[in-house]
């Protein structure tokens, strides 16, 4: 999309990824160190962190489904373009909920 001059949605999505990434890392740290933490402190931080992640990830997915993907479908044509994108995605890897 950026190569076709559509930069706004891509920029927003990238910023949201950058915002969520450290929080996902912290969630992993909490899970790995839960046995060594005060249970009240763990519950408080876990609650705040998961509420933030769930709210923002749900919003992010909505934007992907209703803005980003429709823009891609409207602006990227031809099977050659999609095949090239598929190869690039395969090389990069796909979304998982890890660090």
N, C-alpha and C. Protein backbone atom coordinates (compact mmCIF):
# COMPACT_ATOMS: atom_id res chain seq x y z
N UNK A 1 0.82 -1.20 0.00
CA UNK A 1 0.00 0.00 0.00
C UNK A 1 0.85 1.25 0.00
N UNK A 2 1.93 1.23 0.78
CA UNK A 2 2.80 2.40 0.82
C UNK A 2 3.42 2.67 -0.55
N UNK A 3 3.75 1.63 -1.30
CA UNK A 3 4.30 1.82 -2.63
C UNK A 3 3.26 2.41 -3.58
N UNK A 4 2.00 2.32 -3.21
CA UNK A 4 0.93 2.88 -4.01
C UNK A 4 0.44 4.22 -3.44
N UNK A 5 1.18 4.78 -2.49
CA UNK A 5 0.88 6.09 -1.96
C UNK A 5 -0.10 6.12 -0.80
N UNK A 6 -0.49 4.96 -0.29
CA UNK A 6 -1.41 4.90 0.84
C UNK A 6 -0.58 4.64 2.08
N UNK A 7 -0.28 5.72 2.81
CA UNK A 7 0.66 5.59 3.92
C UNK A 7 0.01 5.71 5.30
N UNK A 8 -1.11 6.42 5.39
CA UNK A 8 -1.72 6.66 6.70
C UNK A 8 -2.06 5.40 7.48
N UNK A 9 -2.88 4.51 6.91
CA UNK A 9 -3.23 3.30 7.66
C UNK A 9 -2.01 2.46 8.04
N UNK A 10 -1.05 2.36 7.15
CA UNK A 10 0.15 1.57 7.43
C UNK A 10 0.94 2.18 8.59
N UNK A 11 1.06 3.48 8.59
CA UNK A 11 1.79 4.18 9.65
C UNK A 11 1.11 3.96 11.01
N UNK A 12 -0.21 4.10 11.03
CA UNK A 12 -0.95 3.90 12.27
C UNK A 12 -0.78 2.48 12.78
N UNK A 13 -0.90 1.51 11.88
CA UNK A 13 -0.78 0.11 12.29
C UNK A 13 0.62 -0.18 12.84
N UNK A 14 1.62 0.38 12.20
CA UNK A 14 3.01 0.16 12.65
C UNK A 14 3.22 0.77 14.05
N UNK A 15 2.69 1.97 14.27
CA UNK A 15 2.80 2.60 15.59
C UNK A 15 2.11 1.78 16.66
N UNK A 16 0.97 1.21 16.31
CA UNK A 16 0.25 0.37 17.27
C UNK A 16 1.04 -0.90 17.59
N UNK A 17 1.66 -1.49 16.59
CA UNK A 17 2.53 -2.65 16.83
C UNK A 17 3.66 -2.26 17.78
N UNK A 18 4.25 -1.11 17.53
CA UNK A 18 5.36 -0.64 18.39
C UNK A 18 4.88 -0.40 19.82
N UNK A 19 3.64 0.05 19.98
CA UNK A 19 3.08 0.29 21.30
C UNK A 19 2.79 -1.03 22.03
N UNK A 20 2.28 -2.01 21.32
CA UNK A 20 1.89 -3.28 21.94
C UNK A 20 3.07 -4.19 22.25
N UNK A 21 4.10 -4.11 21.45
CA UNK A 21 5.24 -5.05 21.59
C UNK A 21 5.84 -5.07 23.00
N UNK A 22 6.19 -3.93 23.61
CA UNK A 22 6.77 -4.00 24.96
C UNK A 22 5.77 -4.51 26.01
N UNK A 23 4.51 -4.26 25.80
CA UNK A 23 3.50 -4.76 26.74
C UNK A 23 3.37 -6.28 26.63
N UNK A 24 3.45 -6.80 25.42
CA UNK A 24 3.44 -8.26 25.26
C UNK A 24 4.67 -8.88 25.91
N UNK A 25 5.81 -8.21 25.78
CA UNK A 25 7.02 -8.72 26.45
C UNK A 25 6.85 -8.72 27.96
N UNK A 26 6.26 -7.66 28.49
CA UNK A 26 6.05 -7.58 29.93
C UNK A 26 5.09 -8.67 30.39
N UNK A 27 4.05 -8.95 29.61
CA UNK A 27 3.11 -10.01 29.94
C UNK A 27 3.84 -11.35 30.02
N UNK A 28 4.73 -11.60 29.09
CA UNK A 28 5.52 -12.83 29.12
C UNK A 28 6.40 -12.87 30.37
N UNK A 29 7.02 -11.75 30.71
CA UNK A 29 7.85 -11.69 31.92
C UNK A 29 7.02 -11.99 33.17
N UNK A 30 5.83 -11.43 33.22
CA UNK A 30 4.96 -11.69 34.37
C UNK A 30 4.61 -13.18 34.46
N UNK A 31 4.27 -13.76 33.34
CA UNK A 31 3.92 -15.18 33.33
C UNK A 31 5.10 -16.04 33.79
N UNK A 32 6.29 -15.70 33.33
CA UNK A 32 7.47 -16.48 33.67
C UNK A 32 7.91 -16.27 35.12
N UNK A 33 7.65 -15.11 35.68
CA UNK A 33 8.11 -14.81 37.03
C UNK A 33 7.01 -14.77 38.06
N UNK A 34 5.83 -15.24 37.71
CA UNK A 34 4.67 -15.14 38.60
C UNK A 34 4.91 -15.80 39.95
N UNK A 35 5.61 -16.91 39.96
CA UNK A 35 5.83 -17.65 41.22
C UNK A 35 6.67 -16.84 42.21
N UNK A 36 7.45 -15.91 41.71
CA UNK A 36 8.34 -15.13 42.56
C UNK A 36 7.79 -13.76 42.94
N UNK A 37 6.56 -13.47 42.55
CA UNK A 37 5.99 -12.15 42.80
C UNK A 37 4.94 -12.19 43.90
N UNK A 38 4.76 -11.06 44.54
CA UNK A 38 3.67 -10.88 45.48
C UNK A 38 2.36 -11.03 44.72
N UNK A 39 1.43 -11.82 45.23
CA UNK A 39 0.22 -12.12 44.47
C UNK A 39 -0.64 -10.88 44.23
N UNK A 40 -0.71 -9.98 45.18
CA UNK A 40 -1.51 -8.76 44.98
C UNK A 40 -0.88 -7.88 43.91
N UNK A 41 0.43 -7.75 43.97
CA UNK A 41 1.14 -6.96 42.95
C UNK A 41 0.98 -7.59 41.57
N UNK A 42 1.08 -8.91 41.51
CA UNK A 42 0.93 -9.62 40.24
C UNK A 42 -0.47 -9.41 39.68
N UNK A 43 -1.49 -9.58 40.51
CA UNK A 43 -2.87 -9.39 40.04
C UNK A 43 -3.10 -7.99 39.52
N UNK A 44 -2.60 -6.99 40.22
CA UNK A 44 -2.79 -5.60 39.82
C UNK A 44 -2.13 -5.33 38.47
N UNK A 45 -0.87 -5.70 38.36
CA UNK A 45 -0.16 -5.42 37.10
C UNK A 45 -0.73 -6.25 35.96
N UNK A 46 -1.06 -7.50 36.23
CA UNK A 46 -1.62 -8.35 35.20
C UNK A 46 -2.97 -7.83 34.72
N UNK A 47 -3.78 -7.36 35.64
CA UNK A 47 -5.08 -6.80 35.27
C UNK A 47 -4.93 -5.57 34.39
N UNK A 48 -4.09 -4.64 34.81
CA UNK A 48 -3.89 -3.41 34.03
C UNK A 48 -3.32 -3.73 32.64
N UNK A 49 -2.35 -4.60 32.61
CA UNK A 49 -1.67 -4.94 31.36
C UNK A 49 -2.60 -5.66 30.39
N UNK A 50 -3.33 -6.65 30.88
CA UNK A 50 -4.21 -7.40 29.98
C UNK A 50 -5.37 -6.55 29.49
N UNK A 51 -5.91 -5.68 30.34
CA UNK A 51 -6.99 -4.80 29.88
C UNK A 51 -6.49 -3.89 28.76
N UNK A 52 -5.30 -3.36 28.92
CA UNK A 52 -4.73 -2.49 27.88
C UNK A 52 -4.52 -3.26 26.58
N UNK A 53 -3.91 -4.43 26.69
CA UNK A 53 -3.62 -5.23 25.49
C UNK A 53 -4.91 -5.63 24.79
N UNK A 54 -5.87 -6.13 25.53
CA UNK A 54 -7.13 -6.58 24.93
C UNK A 54 -7.84 -5.43 24.24
N UNK A 55 -7.97 -4.30 24.91
CA UNK A 55 -8.67 -3.16 24.32
C UNK A 55 -7.98 -2.70 23.04
N UNK A 56 -6.66 -2.51 23.11
CA UNK A 56 -5.94 -1.97 21.96
C UNK A 56 -5.77 -2.98 20.84
N UNK A 57 -5.62 -4.23 21.17
CA UNK A 57 -5.50 -5.25 20.13
C UNK A 57 -6.84 -5.44 19.41
N UNK A 58 -7.93 -5.40 20.16
CA UNK A 58 -9.26 -5.50 19.54
C UNK A 58 -9.49 -4.33 18.58
N UNK A 59 -9.11 -3.13 19.00
CA UNK A 59 -9.23 -1.94 18.18
C UNK A 59 -8.33 -2.05 16.93
N UNK A 60 -7.13 -2.55 17.13
CA UNK A 60 -6.17 -2.72 16.04
C UNK A 60 -6.72 -3.70 14.98
N UNK A 61 -7.25 -4.81 15.43
CA UNK A 61 -7.81 -5.81 14.51
C UNK A 61 -9.00 -5.24 13.76
N UNK A 62 -9.82 -4.44 14.44
CA UNK A 62 -10.94 -3.79 13.76
C UNK A 62 -10.43 -2.91 12.62
N UNK A 63 -9.39 -2.12 12.89
CA UNK A 63 -8.83 -1.24 11.85
C UNK A 63 -8.27 -2.05 10.69
N UNK A 64 -7.62 -3.16 11.00
CA UNK A 64 -7.11 -4.02 9.93
C UNK A 64 -8.26 -4.52 9.05
N UNK A 65 -9.30 -5.04 9.71
CA UNK A 65 -10.41 -5.64 8.97
C UNK A 65 -11.24 -4.64 8.19
N UNK A 66 -11.38 -3.42 8.71
CA UNK A 66 -12.30 -2.46 8.09
C UNK A 66 -11.63 -1.31 7.34
N UNK A 67 -10.32 -1.15 7.50
CA UNK A 67 -9.62 -0.07 6.80
C UNK A 67 -8.47 -0.63 5.97
N UNK A 68 -7.53 -1.29 6.63
CA UNK A 68 -6.31 -1.73 5.96
C UNK A 68 -6.57 -2.78 4.88
N UNK A 69 -7.26 -3.86 5.24
CA UNK A 69 -7.48 -4.92 4.26
C UNK A 69 -8.37 -4.49 3.10
N UNK A 70 -9.46 -3.74 3.35
CA UNK A 70 -10.23 -3.26 2.20
C UNK A 70 -9.41 -2.34 1.28
N UNK A 71 -8.55 -1.50 1.88
CA UNK A 71 -7.68 -0.65 1.05
C UNK A 71 -6.74 -1.49 0.20
N UNK A 72 -6.23 -2.55 0.78
CA UNK A 72 -5.34 -3.45 0.02
C UNK A 72 -6.10 -4.10 -1.12
N UNK A 73 -7.29 -4.58 -0.85
CA UNK A 73 -8.08 -5.23 -1.90
C UNK A 73 -8.45 -4.26 -3.02
N UNK A 74 -8.71 -3.00 -2.66
CA UNK A 74 -9.08 -2.00 -3.66
C UNK A 74 -7.89 -1.51 -4.48
N UNK A 75 -6.68 -1.59 -3.92
CA UNK A 75 -5.54 -0.94 -4.56
C UNK A 75 -4.46 -1.88 -5.07
N UNK A 76 -4.53 -3.13 -4.71
CA UNK A 76 -3.53 -4.09 -5.19
C UNK A 76 -4.25 -5.08 -6.09
N UNK A 77 -3.90 -5.04 -7.35
CA UNK A 77 -4.59 -5.90 -8.29
C UNK A 77 -3.64 -6.89 -8.94
N UNK A 78 -4.21 -7.91 -9.48
CA UNK A 78 -3.44 -8.89 -10.24
C UNK A 78 -2.82 -9.96 -9.37
N UNK A 79 -2.88 -11.17 -9.87
CA UNK A 79 -2.37 -12.30 -9.09
C UNK A 79 -0.86 -12.23 -8.92
N UNK A 80 -0.15 -11.60 -9.87
CA UNK A 80 1.30 -11.48 -9.72
C UNK A 80 1.66 -10.65 -8.49
N UNK A 81 0.94 -9.56 -8.27
CA UNK A 81 1.19 -8.72 -7.09
C UNK A 81 0.92 -9.50 -5.82
N UNK A 82 -0.19 -10.22 -5.77
CA UNK A 82 -0.54 -10.97 -4.57
C UNK A 82 0.43 -12.13 -4.32
N UNK A 83 0.89 -12.76 -5.39
CA UNK A 83 1.88 -13.83 -5.23
C UNK A 83 3.20 -13.29 -4.68
N UNK A 84 3.60 -12.12 -5.14
CA UNK A 84 4.81 -11.49 -4.62
C UNK A 84 4.64 -11.14 -3.14
N UNK A 85 3.48 -10.61 -2.78
CA UNK A 85 3.20 -10.29 -1.38
C UNK A 85 3.23 -11.56 -0.53
N UNK A 86 2.66 -12.63 -1.04
CA UNK A 86 2.66 -13.91 -0.32
C UNK A 86 4.09 -14.37 -0.06
N UNK A 87 4.94 -14.27 -1.05
CA UNK A 87 6.34 -14.68 -0.87
C UNK A 87 7.04 -13.80 0.17
N UNK A 88 6.78 -12.51 0.13
CA UNK A 88 7.38 -11.61 1.13
C UNK A 88 6.88 -11.93 2.53
N UNK A 89 5.59 -12.21 2.66
CA UNK A 89 5.03 -12.56 3.97
C UNK A 89 5.62 -13.87 4.48
N UNK A 90 5.78 -14.85 3.59
CA UNK A 90 6.38 -16.11 3.99
C UNK A 90 7.81 -15.90 4.49
N UNK A 91 8.54 -14.98 3.87
CA UNK A 91 9.92 -14.70 4.28
C UNK A 91 9.96 -13.98 5.63
N UNK A 92 9.00 -13.09 5.87
CA UNK A 92 8.96 -12.32 7.12
C UNK A 92 8.45 -13.18 8.27
N UNK A 93 7.42 -13.94 8.01
CA UNK A 93 6.77 -14.73 9.06
C UNK A 93 5.41 -14.13 9.38
N UNK A 94 4.65 -14.86 10.14
CA UNK A 94 3.27 -14.46 10.41
C UNK A 94 3.09 -14.13 11.88
N UNK A 95 1.97 -13.50 12.17
CA UNK A 95 1.68 -13.03 13.52
C UNK A 95 1.58 -14.19 14.50
N UNK A 96 2.23 -13.99 15.61
CA UNK A 96 2.02 -14.87 16.75
C UNK A 96 2.07 -13.99 17.99
N UNK A 97 1.63 -14.50 19.07
CA UNK A 97 1.59 -13.66 20.27
C UNK A 97 2.79 -13.98 21.15
N UNK A 98 3.95 -13.78 20.58
CA UNK A 98 5.19 -13.92 21.34
C UNK A 98 6.03 -12.68 21.10
N UNK A 99 7.17 -12.62 21.74
CA UNK A 99 8.04 -11.44 21.61
C UNK A 99 8.82 -11.46 20.34
